């Protein structure tokens, strides 16, 4: 069981990195900043 948990935690690292890279690329392609998306243009 301990081995399974360690394996899953190690698999989580590239998955998290991939999601972060994908989000970063999408925001650069679309333009704007995450703060503007969340708070609106007048914030």
Protein backbone atom coordinates (compact mmCIF):
# COMPACT_ATOMS: atom_id res chain seq x y z
CA UNK A 1 0.00 0.00 0.00
CA UNK A 2 2.85 2.34 0.86
CA UNK A 3 4.43 1.69 -2.53
CA UNK A 4 1.15 2.49 -4.30
CA UNK A 5 0.83 5.83 -2.49
CA UNK A 6 4.42 6.80 -3.31
CA UNK A 7 3.89 5.84 -6.96
CA UNK A 8 0.72 7.94 -7.21
CA UNK A 9 2.41 10.93 -5.58
CA UNK A 10 5.32 10.70 -8.03
CA UNK A 11 2.88 10.50 -10.96
CA UNK A 12 1.18 13.64 -9.70
CA UNK A 13 4.31 15.77 -10.27
CA UNK A 14 4.38 15.68 -14.10
CA UNK A 15 0.59 15.95 -14.24
CA UNK A 16 0.61 19.11 -12.14
CA UNK A 17 3.48 20.54 -14.20
CA UNK A 18 1.59 19.79 -17.41
CA UNK A 19 -1.55 21.54 -16.18
CA UNK A 20 0.49 24.59 -15.15
CA UNK A 21 2.23 24.78 -18.53
CA UNK A 22 -1.05 24.35 -20.40
CA UNK A 23 -2.70 27.11 -18.37
CA UNK A 24 0.28 29.42 -18.90
CA UNK A 25 0.27 28.83 -22.67
CA UNK A 26 -3.49 29.32 -22.95
CA UNK A 27 -3.36 32.65 -21.12
CA UNK A 28 -0.55 33.83 -23.42
CA UNK A 29 -2.42 32.76 -26.55
CA UNK A 30 -5.73 34.31 -25.48
CA UNK A 31 -4.14 37.40 -23.95
CA UNK A 32 -4.96 39.21 -20.77
CA UNK A 33 -4.04 38.33 -17.25
CA UNK A 34 -5.66 35.90 -14.83
CA UNK A 35 -6.46 38.80 -12.50
CA UNK A 36 -8.46 40.55 -15.23
CA UNK A 37 -10.33 37.36 -16.00
CA UNK A 38 -11.31 36.83 -12.36
CA UNK A 39 -11.93 40.44 -11.34
CA UNK A 40 -13.08 42.00 -14.59
CA UNK A 41 -11.72 44.91 -16.61
CA UNK A 42 -12.63 47.59 -14.05
CA UNK A 43 -10.71 46.05 -11.15
